[in-house]
Amino acid sequence: MVFEKRGKKRIQSFNLSYVALDDGGNIVCQGMGRTLNVSEAGLLLETGFSIPLNCKILLSIGLEDDIVNIEGNVAHSRVGKSGNFETGIRFTRIDNNELDVLKIFIKYFENNKKRI
């Protein structure tokens, strides 16, 4: 948490990088997004443009010195209140070490979301 000179609280933005692949393994789109919510089963990702349904998603999530790489599929996509796209991603492959880091990320995310 960082304090501004005005004394207002700010929380870190939870950004991650992603690559979306079609059925043939070709890159459809890639970029950075912001995590809106996260669980051990998936997350809601905010991006500036739509990610097509049923794409395979390769996510890289960083928290301090740990980076976790997770595979998932696009479950749904919609335009959010902000005008950005909100994409639901269901995790399809995550090993135990990645899951341990993800659990830390989830706890950190929950603790900081309470400060909004």
PDB file of N, CA and C in Angstrom:
ATOM      1  N   MET A   1       0.844  -1.164   0.000  1.00  0.00           N
ATOM      2  CA  MET A   1       0.000   0.000   0.000  1.00  0.00           C
ATOM      3  C   MET A   1       0.896   1.235   0.000  1.00  0.00           C
ATOM      4  N   VAL A   2       0.533   2.243  -0.782  1.00  0.00           N
ATOM      5  CA  VAL A   2       1.299   3.474  -0.892  1.00  0.00           C
ATOM      6  C   VAL A   2       0.391   4.628  -0.502  1.00  0.00           C
ATOM      7  N   PHE A   3       0.914   5.575   0.248  1.00  0.00           N
ATOM      8  CA  PHE A   3       0.135   6.746   0.616  1.00  0.00           C
ATOM      9  C   PHE A   3       0.541   7.923  -0.240  1.00  0.00           C
ATOM     10  N   GLU A   4      -0.458   8.640  -0.758  1.00  0.00           N
ATOM     11  CA  GLU A   4      -0.194   9.866  -1.496  1.00  0.00           C
ATOM     12  C   GLU A   4       0.024  10.992  -0.504  1.00  0.00           C
ATOM     13  N   LYS A   5       0.516  12.113  -0.993  1.00  0.00           N
ATOM     14  CA  LYS A   5       0.694  13.284  -0.143  1.00  0.00           C
ATOM     15  C   LYS A   5      -0.631  13.745   0.438  1.00  0.00           C
ATOM     16  N   ARG A   6      -1.728  13.494  -0.292  1.00  0.00           N
ATOM     17  CA  ARG A   6      -3.055  13.882   0.176  1.00  0.00           C
ATOM     18  C   ARG A   6      -3.548  12.948   1.269  1.00  0.00           C
ATOM     19  N   GLY A   7      -2.815  11.873   1.573  1.00  0.00           N
ATOM     20  CA  GLY A   7      -3.212  10.962   2.627  1.00  0.00           C
ATOM     21  C   GLY A   7      -4.206   9.895   2.196  1.00  0.00           C
ATOM     22  N   LYS A   8      -4.497   9.768   0.918  1.00  0.00           N
ATOM     23  CA  LYS A   8      -5.437   8.764   0.425  1.00  0.00           C
ATOM     24  C   LYS A   8      -4.716   7.445   0.207  1.00  0.00           C
ATOM     25  N   LYS A   9      -5.385   6.353   0.544  1.00  0.00           N
ATOM     26  CA  LYS A   9      -4.807   5.027   0.362  1.00  0.00           C
ATOM     27  C   LYS A   9      -4.893   4.622  -1.096  1.00  0.00           C
ATOM     28  N   ARG A  10      -3.887   3.928  -1.532  1.00  0.00           N
ATOM     29  CA  ARG A  10      -3.880   3.313  -2.855  1.00  0.00           C
ATOM     30  C   ARG A  10      -3.453   1.875  -2.692  1.00  0.00           C
ATOM     31  N   ILE A  11      -4.012   1.012  -3.528  1.00  0.00           N
ATOM     32  CA  ILE A  11      -3.558  -0.362  -3.525  1.00  0.00           C
ATOM     33  C   ILE A  11      -2.884  -0.643  -4.849  1.00  0.00           C
ATOM     34  N   GLN A  12      -2.067  -1.686  -4.858  1.00  0.00           N
ATOM     35  CA  GLN A  12      -1.422  -2.079  -6.087  1.00  0.00           C
ATOM     36  C   GLN A  12      -2.454  -2.603  -7.066  1.00  0.00           C
ATOM     37  N   SER A  13      -2.219  -2.361  -8.321  1.00  0.00           N
ATOM     38  CA  SER A  13      -3.006  -2.977  -9.367  1.00  0.00           C
ATOM     39  C   SER A  13      -2.435  -4.357  -9.623  1.00  0.00           C
ATOM     40  N   PHE A  14      -3.294  -5.333  -9.781  1.00  0.00           N
ATOM     41  CA  PHE A  14      -2.841  -6.696  -9.995  1.00  0.00           C
ATOM     42  C   PHE A  14      -2.835  -6.976 -11.483  1.00  0.00           C
ATOM     43  N   ASN A  15      -1.711  -6.695 -12.102  1.00  0.00           N
ATOM     44  CA  ASN A  15      -1.567  -6.873 -13.535  1.00  0.00           C
ATOM     45  C   ASN A  15      -0.930  -8.208 -13.848  1.00  0.00           C
ATOM     46  N   LEU A  16      -1.262  -8.718 -15.016  1.00  0.00           N
ATOM     47  CA  LEU A  16      -0.657  -9.949 -15.485  1.00  0.00           C
ATOM     48  C   LEU A  16      -0.551  -9.889 -16.993  1.00  0.00           C
ATOM     49  N   SER A  17       0.290 -10.740 -17.536  1.00  0.00           N
ATOM     50  CA  SER A  17       0.403 -10.818 -18.990  1.00  0.00           C
ATOM     51  C   SER A  17      -0.297 -12.088 -19.459  1.00  0.00           C
ATOM     52  N   TYR A  18      -0.792 -12.033 -20.687  1.00  0.00           N
ATOM     53  CA  TYR A  18      -1.495 -13.184 -21.232  1.00  0.00           C
ATOM     54  C   TYR A  18      -1.215 -13.327 -22.720  1.00  0.00           C
ATOM     55  N   VAL A  19      -1.380 -14.552 -23.198  1.00  0.00           N
ATOM     56  CA  VAL A  19      -1.327 -14.874 -24.622  1.00  0.00           C
ATOM     57  C   VAL A  19      -2.545 -15.750 -24.887  1.00  0.00           C
ATOM     58  N   ALA A  20      -3.344 -15.384 -25.881  1.00  0.00           N
ATOM     59  CA  ALA A  20      -4.512 -16.176 -26.267  1.00  0.00           C
ATOM     60  C   ALA A  20      -4.185 -16.935 -27.546  1.00  0.00           C
ATOM     61  N   LEU A  21      -4.476 -18.249 -27.536  1.00  0.00           N
ATOM     62  CA  LEU A  21      -4.173 -19.118 -28.672  1.00  0.00           C
ATOM     63  C   LEU A  21      -5.452 -19.726 -29.238  1.00  0.00           C
ATOM     64  N   ASP A  22      -5.502 -19.893 -30.564  1.00  0.00           N
ATOM     65  CA  ASP A  22      -6.626 -20.586 -31.183  1.00  0.00           C
ATOM     66  C   ASP A  22      -6.395 -22.095 -31.120  1.00  0.00           C
ATOM     67  N   ASP A  23      -7.321 -22.867 -31.697  1.00  0.00           N
ATOM     68  CA  ASP A  23      -7.221 -24.335 -31.661  1.00  0.00           C
ATOM     69  C   ASP A  23      -5.939 -24.864 -32.302  1.00  0.00           C
ATOM     70  N   GLY A  24      -5.390 -24.121 -33.264  1.00  0.00           N
ATOM     71  CA  GLY A  24      -4.165 -24.544 -33.935  1.00  0.00           C
ATOM     72  C   GLY A  24      -2.894 -24.105 -33.233  1.00  0.00           C
ATOM     73  N   GLY A  25      -3.034 -23.415 -32.086  1.00  0.00           N
ATOM     74  CA  GLY A  25      -1.869 -22.948 -31.347  1.00  0.00           C
ATOM     75  C   GLY A  25      -1.323 -21.625 -31.839  1.00  0.00           C
ATOM     76  N   ASN A  26      -2.074 -20.938 -32.727  1.00  0.00           N
ATOM     77  CA  ASN A  26      -1.657 -19.630 -33.241  1.00  0.00           C
ATOM     78  C   ASN A  26      -2.069 -18.522 -32.277  1.00  0.00           C
ATOM     79  N   ILE A  27      -1.225 -17.516 -32.130  1.00  0.00           N
ATOM     80  CA  ILE A  27      -1.539 -16.393 -31.243  1.00  0.00           C
ATOM     81  C   ILE A  27      -2.665 -15.569 -31.846  1.00  0.00           C
ATOM     82  N   VAL A  28      -3.745 -15.407 -31.074  1.00  0.00           N
ATOM     83  CA  VAL A  28      -4.891 -14.602 -31.474  1.00  0.00           C
ATOM     84  C   VAL A  28      -4.691 -13.171 -30.980  1.00  0.00           C
ATOM     85  N   CYS A  29      -4.261 -13.043 -29.724  1.00  0.00           N
ATOM     86  CA  CYS A  29      -3.955 -11.737 -29.144  1.00  0.00           C
ATOM     87  C   CYS A  29      -3.084 -11.962 -27.918  1.00  0.00           C
ATOM     88  N   GLN A  30      -2.442 -10.893 -27.479  1.00  0.00           N
ATOM     89  CA  GLN A  30      -1.616 -10.943 -26.278  1.00  0.00           C
ATOM     90  C   GLN A  30      -1.532  -9.559 -25.694  1.00  0.00           C
ATOM     91  N   GLY A  31      -1.223  -9.474 -24.425  1.00  0.00           N
ATOM     92  CA  GLY A  31      -1.106  -8.168 -23.797  1.00  0.00           C
ATOM     93  C   GLY A  31      -1.060  -8.282 -22.291  1.00  0.00           C
ATOM     94  N   MET A  32      -1.423  -7.166 -21.660  1.00  0.00           N
ATOM     95  CA  MET A  32      -1.479  -7.068 -20.208  1.00  0.00           C
ATOM     96  C   MET A  32      -2.923  -6.846 -19.808  1.00  0.00           C
ATOM     97  N   GLY A  33      -3.280  -7.347 -18.643  1.00  0.00           N
ATOM     98  CA  GLY A  33      -4.618  -7.140 -18.117  1.00  0.00           C
ATOM     99  C   GLY A  33      -4.559  -6.951 -16.624  1.00  0.00           C
ATOM    100  N   ARG A  34      -5.705  -6.584 -16.074  1.00  0.00           N
ATOM    101  CA  ARG A  34      -5.814  -6.349 -14.632  1.00  0.00           C
ATOM    102  C   ARG A  34      -6.765  -7.375 -14.042  1.00  0.00           C
ATOM    103  N   THR A  35      -6.362  -7.986 -12.942  1.00  0.00           N
ATOM    104  CA  THR A  35      -7.188  -8.975 -12.263  1.00  0.00           C
ATOM    105  C   THR A  35      -8.292  -8.269 -11.485  1.00  0.00           C
ATOM    106  N   LEU A  36      -9.557  -8.615 -11.782  1.00  0.00           N
ATOM    107  CA  LEU A  36     -10.687  -8.050 -11.047  1.00  0.00           C
ATOM    108  C   LEU A  36     -11.104  -8.948  -9.892  1.00  0.00           C
ATOM    109  N   ASN A  37     -11.011 -10.265 -10.086  1.00  0.00           N
ATOM    110  CA  ASN A  37     -11.196 -11.216  -8.992  1.00  0.00           C
ATOM    111  C   ASN A  37     -10.469 -12.496  -9.352  1.00  0.00           C
ATOM    112  N   VAL A  38     -10.184 -13.295  -8.341  1.00  0.00           N
ATOM    113  CA  VAL A  38      -9.385 -14.500  -8.579  1.00  0.00           C
ATOM    114  C   VAL A  38      -9.735 -15.570  -7.548  1.00  0.00           C
ATOM    115  N   SER A  39      -9.721 -16.827  -7.985  1.00  0.00           N
ATOM    116  CA  SER A  39      -9.889 -17.975  -7.098  1.00  0.00           C
ATOM    117  C   SER A  39      -8.937 -19.066  -7.574  1.00  0.00           C
ATOM    118  N   GLU A  40      -8.963 -20.215  -6.909  1.00  0.00           N
ATOM    119  CA  GLU A  40      -8.119 -21.325  -7.335  1.00  0.00           C
ATOM    120  C   GLU A  40      -8.619 -21.948  -8.636  1.00  0.00           C
ATOM    121  N   ALA A  41      -9.849 -21.622  -9.043  1.00  0.00           N
ATOM    122  CA  ALA A  41     -10.433 -22.195 -10.257  1.00  0.00           C
ATOM    123  C   ALA A  41     -10.328 -21.281 -11.469  1.00  0.00           C
ATOM    124  N   GLY A  42     -10.122 -19.969 -11.248  1.00  0.00           N
ATOM    125  CA  GLY A  42     -10.062 -19.056 -12.373  1.00  0.00           C
ATOM    126  C   GLY A  42      -9.991 -17.613 -11.922  1.00  0.00           C
ATOM    127  N   LEU A  43     -10.129 -16.705 -12.890  1.00  0.00           N
ATOM    128  CA  LEU A  43     -10.084 -15.278 -12.576  1.00  0.00           C
ATOM    129  C   LEU A  43     -10.890 -14.482 -13.591  1.00  0.00           C
ATOM    130  N   LEU A  44     -11.174 -13.244 -13.225  1.00  0.00           N
ATOM    131  CA  LEU A  44     -11.814 -12.293 -14.123  1.00  0.00           C
ATOM    132  C   LEU A  44     -10.761 -11.264 -14.500  1.00  0.00           C
ATOM    133  N   LEU A  45     -10.507 -11.157 -15.795  1.00  0.00           N
ATOM    134  CA  LEU A  45      -9.439 -10.320 -16.326  1.00  0.00           C
ATOM    135  C   LEU A  45     -10.021  -9.126 -17.066  1.00  0.00           C
ATOM    136  N   GLU A  46      -9.549  -7.925 -16.742  1.00  0.00           N
ATOM    137  CA  GLU A  46      -9.973  -6.703 -17.445  1.00  0.00           C
ATOM    138  C   GLU A  46      -8.908  -6.342 -18.473  1.00  0.00           C
ATOM    139  N   THR A  47      -9.355  -6.156 -19.724  1.00  0.00           N
ATOM    140  CA  THR A  47      -8.453  -5.787 -20.814  1.00  0.00           C
ATOM    141  C   THR A  47      -9.079  -4.681 -21.644  1.00  0.00           C
ATOM    142  N   GLY A  48      -8.281  -4.097 -22.516  1.00  0.00           N
ATOM    143  CA  GLY A  48      -8.759  -3.031 -23.384  1.00  0.00           C
ATOM    144  C   GLY A  48      -9.503  -3.516 -24.612  1.00  0.00           C
ATOM    145  N   PHE A  49      -9.428  -4.829 -24.879  1.00  0.00           N
ATOM    146  CA  PHE A  49     -10.131  -5.375 -26.033  1.00  0.00           C
ATOM    147  C   PHE A  49     -10.589  -6.793 -25.730  1.00  0.00           C
ATOM    148  N   SER A  50     -11.517  -7.270 -26.526  1.00  0.00           N
ATOM    149  CA  SER A  50     -12.126  -8.576 -26.311  1.00  0.00           C
ATOM    150  C   SER A  50     -11.162  -9.713 -26.626  1.00  0.00           C
ATOM    151  N   ILE A  51     -11.256 -10.768 -25.826  1.00  0.00           N
ATOM    152  CA  ILE A  51     -10.527 -12.004 -26.093  1.00  0.00           C
ATOM    153  C   ILE A  51     -11.582 -13.017 -26.533  1.00  0.00           C
ATOM    154  N   PRO A  52     -11.413 -13.638 -27.701  1.00  0.00           N
ATOM    155  CA  PRO A  52     -12.439 -14.549 -28.217  1.00  0.00           C
ATOM    156  C   PRO A  52     -12.734 -15.723 -27.280  1.00  0.00           C
ATOM    157  N   LEU A  53     -14.000 -16.138 -27.266  1.00  0.00           N
ATOM    158  CA  LEU A  53     -14.421 -17.284 -26.465  1.00  0.00           C
ATOM    159  C   LEU A  53     -13.684 -18.547 -26.884  1.00  0.00           C
ATOM    160  N   ASN A  54     -13.516 -19.439 -25.935  1.00  0.00           N
ATOM    161  CA  ASN A  54     -12.911 -20.762 -26.131  1.00  0.00           C
ATOM    162  C   ASN A  54     -11.440 -20.740 -26.523  1.00  0.00           C
ATOM    163  N   CYS A  55     -10.797 -19.584 -26.456  1.00  0.00           N
ATOM    164  CA  CYS A  55      -9.353 -19.541 -26.687  1.00  0.00           C
ATOM    165  C   CYS A  55      -8.636 -20.153 -25.498  1.00  0.00           C
ATOM    166  N   LYS A  56      -7.495 -20.734 -25.777  1.00  0.00           N
ATOM    167  CA  LYS A  56      -6.596 -21.167 -24.719  1.00  0.00           C
ATOM    168  C   LYS A  56      -5.820 -19.942 -24.270  1.00  0.00           C
ATOM    169  N   ILE A  57      -5.678 -19.765 -22.968  1.00  0.00           N
ATOM    170  CA  ILE A  57      -4.997 -18.599 -22.418  1.00  0.00           C
ATOM    171  C   ILE A  57      -3.782 -19.052 -21.627  1.00  0.00           C
ATOM    172  N   LEU A  58      -2.643 -18.446 -21.885  1.00  0.00           N
ATOM    173  CA  LEU A  58      -1.429 -18.659 -21.107  1.00  0.00           C
ATOM    174  C   LEU A  58      -1.220 -17.400 -20.279  1.00  0.00           C
ATOM    175  N   LEU A  59      -1.288 -17.533 -18.968  1.00  0.00           N
ATOM    176  CA  LEU A  59      -1.174 -16.401 -18.046  1.00  0.00           C
ATOM    177  C   LEU A  59       0.155 -16.433 -17.317  1.00  0.00           C
ATOM    178  N   SER A  60       0.732 -15.268 -17.095  1.00  0.00           N
ATOM    179  CA  SER A  60       1.901 -15.121 -16.231  1.00  0.00           C
ATOM    180  C   SER A  60       1.541 -14.102 -15.170  1.00  0.00           C
ATOM    181  N   ILE A  61       1.492 -14.570 -13.929  1.00  0.00           N
ATOM    182  CA  ILE A  61       1.115 -13.717 -12.806  1.00  0.00           C
ATOM    183  C   ILE A  61       2.339 -13.544 -11.922  1.00  0.00           C
ATOM    184  N   GLY A  62       2.684 -12.301 -11.623  1.00  0.00           N
ATOM    185  CA  GLY A  62       3.840 -12.031 -10.778  1.00  0.00           C
ATOM    186  C   GLY A  62       3.425 -11.456  -9.443  1.00  0.00           C
ATOM    187  N   LEU A  63       4.051 -11.942  -8.385  1.00  0.00           N
ATOM    188  CA  LEU A  63       3.857 -11.413  -7.042  1.00  0.00           C
ATOM    189  C   LEU A  63       5.215 -11.432  -6.365  1.00  0.00           C
ATOM    190  N   GLU A  64       5.745 -10.243  -6.158  1.00  0.00           N
ATOM    191  CA  GLU A  64       7.089 -10.074  -5.609  1.00  0.00           C
ATOM    192  C   GLU A  64       8.084 -10.842  -6.476  1.00  0.00           C
ATOM    193  N   ASP A  65       8.803 -11.817  -5.910  1.00  0.00           N
ATOM    194  CA  ASP A  65       9.814 -12.539  -6.678  1.00  0.00           C
ATOM    195  C   ASP A  65       9.270 -13.787  -7.367  1.00  0.00           C
ATOM    196  N   ASP A  66       8.007 -14.108  -7.138  1.00  0.00           N
ATOM    197  CA  ASP A  66       7.425 -15.322  -7.701  1.00  0.00           C
ATOM    198  C   ASP A  66       6.619 -15.007  -8.949  1.00  0.00           C
ATOM    199  N   ILE A  67       6.788 -15.843  -9.960  1.00  0.00           N
ATOM    200  CA  ILE A  67       5.987 -15.760 -11.177  1.00  0.00           C
ATOM    201  C   ILE A  67       5.373 -17.126 -11.392  1.00  0.00           C
ATOM    202  N   VAL A  68       4.071 -17.149 -11.634  1.00  0.00           N
ATOM    203  CA  VAL A  68       3.382 -18.397 -11.866  1.00  0.00           C
ATOM    204  C   VAL A  68       2.807 -18.369 -13.281  1.00  0.00           C
ATOM    205  N   ASN A  69       2.968 -19.476 -13.987  1.00  0.00           N
ATOM    206  CA  ASN A  69       2.433 -19.608 -15.341  1.00  0.00           C
ATOM    207  C   ASN A  69       1.285 -20.605 -15.296  1.00  0.00           C
ATOM    208  N   ILE A  70       0.123 -20.159 -15.729  1.00  0.00           N
ATOM    209  CA  ILE A  70      -1.088 -20.965 -15.636  1.00  0.00           C
ATOM    210  C   ILE A  70      -1.770 -20.999 -17.002  1.00  0.00           C
ATOM    211  N   GLU A  71      -2.326 -22.152 -17.346  1.00  0.00           N
ATOM    212  CA  GLU A  71      -3.114 -22.277 -18.568  1.00  0.00           C
ATOM    213  C   GLU A  71      -4.584 -22.247 -18.204  1.00  0.00           C
ATOM    214  N   GLY A  72      -5.382 -21.686 -19.108  1.00  0.00           N
ATOM    215  CA  GLY A  72      -6.818 -21.643 -18.899  1.00  0.00           C
ATOM    216  C   GLY A  72      -7.548 -21.507 -20.220  1.00  0.00           C
ATOM    217  N   ASN A  73      -8.866 -21.426 -20.136  1.00  0.00           N
ATOM    218  CA  ASN A  73      -9.723 -21.198 -21.299  1.00  0.00           C
ATOM    219  C   ASN A  73     -10.644 -20.029 -21.021  1.00  0.00           C
ATOM    220  N   VAL A  74     -10.981 -19.282 -22.068  1.00  0.00           N
ATOM    221  CA  VAL A  74     -11.938 -18.185 -21.940  1.00  0.00           C
ATOM    222  C   VAL A  74     -13.323 -18.792 -21.761  1.00  0.00           C
ATOM    223  N   ALA A  75     -13.965 -18.485 -20.648  1.00  0.00           N
ATOM    224  CA  ALA A  75     -15.298 -18.996 -20.352  1.00  0.00           C
ATOM    225  C   ALA A  75     -16.380 -18.018 -20.795  1.00  0.00           C
ATOM    226  N   HIS A  76     -16.101 -16.720 -20.638  1.00  0.00           N
ATOM    227  CA  HIS A  76     -17.064 -15.688 -21.057  1.00  0.00           C
ATOM    228  C   HIS A  76     -16.342 -14.361 -21.204  1.00  0.00           C
ATOM    229  N   SER A  77     -16.969 -13.433 -21.907  1.00  0.00           N
ATOM    230  CA  SER A  77     -16.407 -12.096 -22.098  1.00  0.00           C
ATOM    231  C   SER A  77     -17.550 -11.111 -22.242  1.00  0.00           C
ATOM    232  N   ARG A  78     -17.402  -9.933 -21.643  1.00  0.00           N
ATOM    233  CA  ARG A  78     -18.438  -8.903 -21.708  1.00  0.00           C
ATOM    234  C   ARG A  78     -17.792  -7.531 -21.565  1.00  0.00           C
ATOM    235  N   VAL A  79     -18.528  -6.519 -21.941  1.00  0.00           N
ATOM    236  CA  VAL A  79     -18.073  -5.149 -21.731  1.00  0.00           C
ATOM    237  C   VAL A  79     -18.455  -4.766 -20.306  1.00  0.00           C
ATOM    238  N   GLY A  80     -17.481  -4.285 -19.546  1.00  0.00           N
ATOM    239  CA  GLY A  80     -17.726  -3.888 -18.160  1.00  0.00           C
ATOM    240  C   GLY A  80     -18.208  -2.455 -18.050  1.00  0.00           C
ATOM    241  N   LYS A  81     -18.513  -2.036 -16.841  1.00  0.00           N
ATOM    242  CA  LYS A  81     -19.000  -0.673 -16.569  1.00  0.00           C
ATOM    243  C   LYS A  81     -18.004   0.390 -17.012  1.00  0.00           C
ATOM    244  N   SER A  82     -16.714   0.058 -16.959  1.00  0.00           N
ATOM    245  CA  SER A  82     -15.666   1.018 -17.319  1.00  0.00           C
ATOM    246  C   SER A  82     -15.514   1.172 -18.834  1.00  0.00           C
ATOM    247  N   GLY A  83     -16.167   0.265 -19.592  1.00  0.00           N
ATOM    248  CA  GLY A  83     -15.998   0.270 -21.042  1.00  0.00           C
ATOM    249  C   GLY A  83     -14.927  -0.684 -21.510  1.00  0.00           C
ATOM    250  N   ASN A  84     -14.145  -1.203 -20.563  1.00  0.00           N
ATOM    251  CA  ASN A  84     -13.149  -2.227 -20.891  1.00  0.00           C
ATOM    252  C   ASN A  84     -13.825  -3.594 -20.915  1.00  0.00           C
ATOM    253  N   PHE A  85     -13.111  -4.582 -21.417  1.00  0.00           N
ATOM    254  CA  PHE A  85     -13.659  -5.929 -21.495  1.00  0.00           C
ATOM    255  C   PHE A  85     -13.304  -6.714 -20.247  1.00  0.00           C
ATOM    256  N   GLU A  86     -14.250  -7.507 -19.776  1.00  0.00           N
ATOM    257  CA  GLU A  86     -14.057  -8.379 -18.631  1.00  0.00           C
ATOM    258  C   GLU A  86     -14.175  -9.816 -19.133  1.00  0.00           C
ATOM    259  N   THR A  87     -13.105 -10.572 -18.979  1.00  0.00           N
ATOM    260  CA  THR A  87     -13.041 -11.928 -19.513  1.00  0.00           C
ATOM    261  C   THR A  87     -12.862 -12.926 -18.379  1.00  0.00           C
ATOM    262  N   GLY A  88     -13.785 -13.864 -18.299  1.00  0.00           N
ATOM    263  CA  GLY A  88     -13.697 -14.928 -17.312  1.00  0.00           C
ATOM    264  C   GLY A  88     -12.805 -16.037 -17.834  1.00  0.00           C
ATOM    265  N   ILE A  89     -11.816 -16.423 -17.038  1.00  0.00           N
ATOM    266  CA  ILE A  89     -10.870 -17.462 -17.435  1.00  0.00           C
ATOM    267  C   ILE A  89     -10.939 -18.602 -16.432  1.00  0.00           C
ATOM    268  N   ARG A  90     -11.179 -19.803 -16.942  1.00  0.00           N
ATOM    269  CA  ARG A  90     -11.220 -21.016 -16.132  1.00  0.00           C
ATOM    270  C   ARG A  90      -9.867 -21.703 -16.266  1.00  0.00           C
ATOM    271  N   PHE A  91      -9.193 -21.939 -15.136  1.00  0.00           N
ATOM    272  CA  PHE A  91      -7.889 -22.593 -15.174  1.00  0.00           C
ATOM    273  C   PHE A  91      -8.055 -24.053 -15.605  1.00  0.00           C
ATOM    274  N   THR A  92      -7.150 -24.512 -16.480  1.00  0.00           N
ATOM    275  CA  THR A  92      -7.200 -25.893 -16.957  1.00  0.00           C
ATOM    276  C   THR A  92      -5.955 -26.689 -16.575  1.00  0.00           C
ATOM    277  N   ARG A  93      -4.839 -26.009 -16.306  1.00  0.00           N
ATOM    278  CA  ARG A  93      -3.615 -26.701 -15.913  1.00  0.00           C
ATOM    279  C   ARG A  93      -2.852 -25.850 -14.931  1.00  0.00           C
ATOM    280  N   ILE A  94      -2.618 -26.432 -13.759  1.00  0.00           N
ATOM    281  CA  ILE A  94      -1.819 -25.751 -12.740  1.00  0.00           C
ATOM    282  C   ILE A  94      -1.192 -26.832 -11.859  1.00  0.00           C
ATOM    283  N   ASP A  95       0.130 -26.799 -11.714  1.00  0.00           N
ATOM    284  CA  ASP A  95       0.777 -27.813 -10.878  1.00  0.00           C
ATOM    285  C   ASP A  95       0.785 -27.352  -9.419  1.00  0.00           C
ATOM    286  N   ASN A  96       1.221 -28.216  -8.528  1.00  0.00           N
ATOM    287  CA  ASN A  96       1.160 -27.928  -7.091  1.00  0.00           C
ATOM    288  C   ASN A  96       1.992 -26.719  -6.697  1.00  0.00           C
ATOM    289  N   ASN A  97       3.186 -26.552  -7.273  1.00  0.00           N
ATOM    290  CA  ASN A  97       4.017 -25.386  -6.951  1.00  0.00           C
ATOM    291  C   ASN A  97       3.336 -24.097  -7.399  1.00  0.00           C
ATOM    292  N   GLU A  98       2.766 -24.111  -8.607  1.00  0.00           N
ATOM    293  CA  GLU A  98       2.050 -22.943  -9.105  1.00  0.00           C
ATOM    294  C   GLU A  98       0.828 -22.655  -8.247  1.00  0.00           C
ATOM    295  N   LEU A  99       0.141 -23.712  -7.805  1.00  0.00           N
ATOM    296  CA  LEU A  99      -1.031 -23.544  -6.953  1.00  0.00           C
ATOM    297  C   LEU A  99      -0.652 -22.895  -5.625  1.00  0.00           C
ATOM    298  N   ASP A 100       0.482 -23.268  -5.064  1.00  0.00           N
ATOM    299  CA  ASP A 100       0.946 -22.661  -3.816  1.00  0.00           C
ATOM    300  C   ASP A 100       1.169 -21.162  -3.991  1.00  0.00           C
ATOM    301  N   VAL A 101       1.806 -20.762  -5.089  1.00  0.00           N
ATOM    302  CA  VAL A 101       2.028 -19.337  -5.359  1.00  0.00           C
ATOM    303  C   VAL A 101       0.694 -18.648  -5.616  1.00  0.00           C
ATOM    304  N   LEU A 102      -0.198 -19.302  -6.354  1.00  0.00           N
ATOM    305  CA  LEU A 102      -1.522 -18.730  -6.627  1.00  0.00           C
ATOM    306  C   LEU A 102      -2.279 -18.473  -5.325  1.00  0.00           C
ATOM    307  N   LYS A 103      -2.194 -19.379  -4.369  1.00  0.00           N
ATOM    308  CA  LYS A 103      -2.867 -19.192  -3.080  1.00  0.00           C
ATOM    309  C   LYS A 103      -2.338 -17.947  -2.366  1.00  0.00           C
ATOM    310  N   ILE A 104      -1.043 -17.709  -2.439  1.00  0.00           N
ATOM    311  CA  ILE A 104      -0.452 -16.498  -1.846  1.00  0.00           C
ATOM    312  C   ILE A 104      -0.987 -15.264  -2.578  1.00  0.00           C
ATOM    313  N   PHE A 105      -1.036 -15.339  -3.919  1.00  0.00           N
ATOM    314  CA  PHE A 105      -1.565 -14.240  -4.725  1.00  0.00           C
ATOM    315  C   PHE A 105      -3.014 -13.953  -4.331  1.00  0.00           C
ATOM    316  N   ILE A 106      -3.834 -14.993  -4.170  1.00  0.00           N
ATOM    317  CA  ILE A 106      -5.243 -14.821  -3.808  1.00  0.00           C
ATOM    318  C   ILE A 106      -5.359 -14.141  -2.448  1.00  0.00           C
ATOM    319  N   LYS A 107      -4.581 -14.587  -1.483  1.00  0.00           N
ATOM    320  CA  LYS A 107      -4.619 -13.990  -0.147  1.00  0.00           C
ATOM    321  C   LYS A 107      -4.203 -12.519  -0.196  1.00  0.00           C
ATOM    322  N   TYR A 108      -3.144 -12.229  -0.927  1.00  0.00           N
ATOM    323  CA  TYR A 108      -2.675 -10.851  -1.077  1.00  0.00           C
ATOM    324  C   TYR A 108      -3.735 -10.003  -1.758  1.00  0.00           C
ATOM    325  N   PHE A 109      -4.350 -10.542  -2.803  1.00  0.00           N
ATOM    326  CA  PHE A 109      -5.405  -9.849  -3.551  1.00  0.00           C
ATOM    327  C   PHE A 109      -6.579  -9.539  -2.619  1.00  0.00           C
ATOM    328  N   GLU A 110      -7.052 -10.529  -1.856  1.00  0.00           N
ATOM    329  CA  GLU A 110      -8.179 -10.337  -0.950  1.00  0.00           C
ATOM    330  C   GLU A 110      -7.862  -9.292   0.116  1.00  0.00           C
ATOM    331  N   ASN A 111      -6.692  -9.337   0.685  1.00  0.00           N
ATOM    332  CA  ASN A 111      -6.319  -8.375   1.724  1.00  0.00           C
ATOM    333  C   ASN A 111      -6.287  -6.948   1.194  1.00  0.00           C
ATOM    334  N   ASN A 112      -5.829  -6.765  -0.033  1.00  0.00           N
ATOM    335  CA  ASN A 112      -5.742  -5.423  -0.590  1.00  0.00           C
ATOM    336  C   ASN A 112      -7.079  -4.937  -1.142  1.00  0.00           C
ATOM    337  N   LYS A 113      -7.930  -5.820  -1.630  1.00  0.00           N
ATOM    338  CA  LYS A 113      -9.252  -5.414  -2.122  1.00  0.00           C
ATOM    339  C   LYS A 113     -10.115  -4.857  -0.997  1.00  0.00           C
ATOM    340  N   LYS A 114      -9.903  -5.303   0.233  1.00  0.00           N
ATOM    341  CA  LYS A 114     -10.682  -4.824   1.381  1.00  0.00           C
ATOM    342  C   LYS A 114     -10.390  -3.362   1.669  1.00  0.00           C
ATOM    343  N   ARG A 115      -9.278  -2.852   1.178  1.00  0.00           N
ATOM    344  CA  ARG A 115      -8.876  -1.472   1.477  1.00  0.00           C
ATOM    345  C   ARG A 115      -9.455  -0.471   0.483  1.00  0.00           C
ATOM    346  N   ILE A 116     -10.165  -0.944  -0.524  1.00  0.00           N
ATOM    347  CA  ILE A 116     -10.713  -0.037  -1.544  1.00  0.00           C
ATOM    348  C   ILE A 116     -11.826   0.796  -0.942  1.00  0.00           C
TER     349      ILE A 116
END
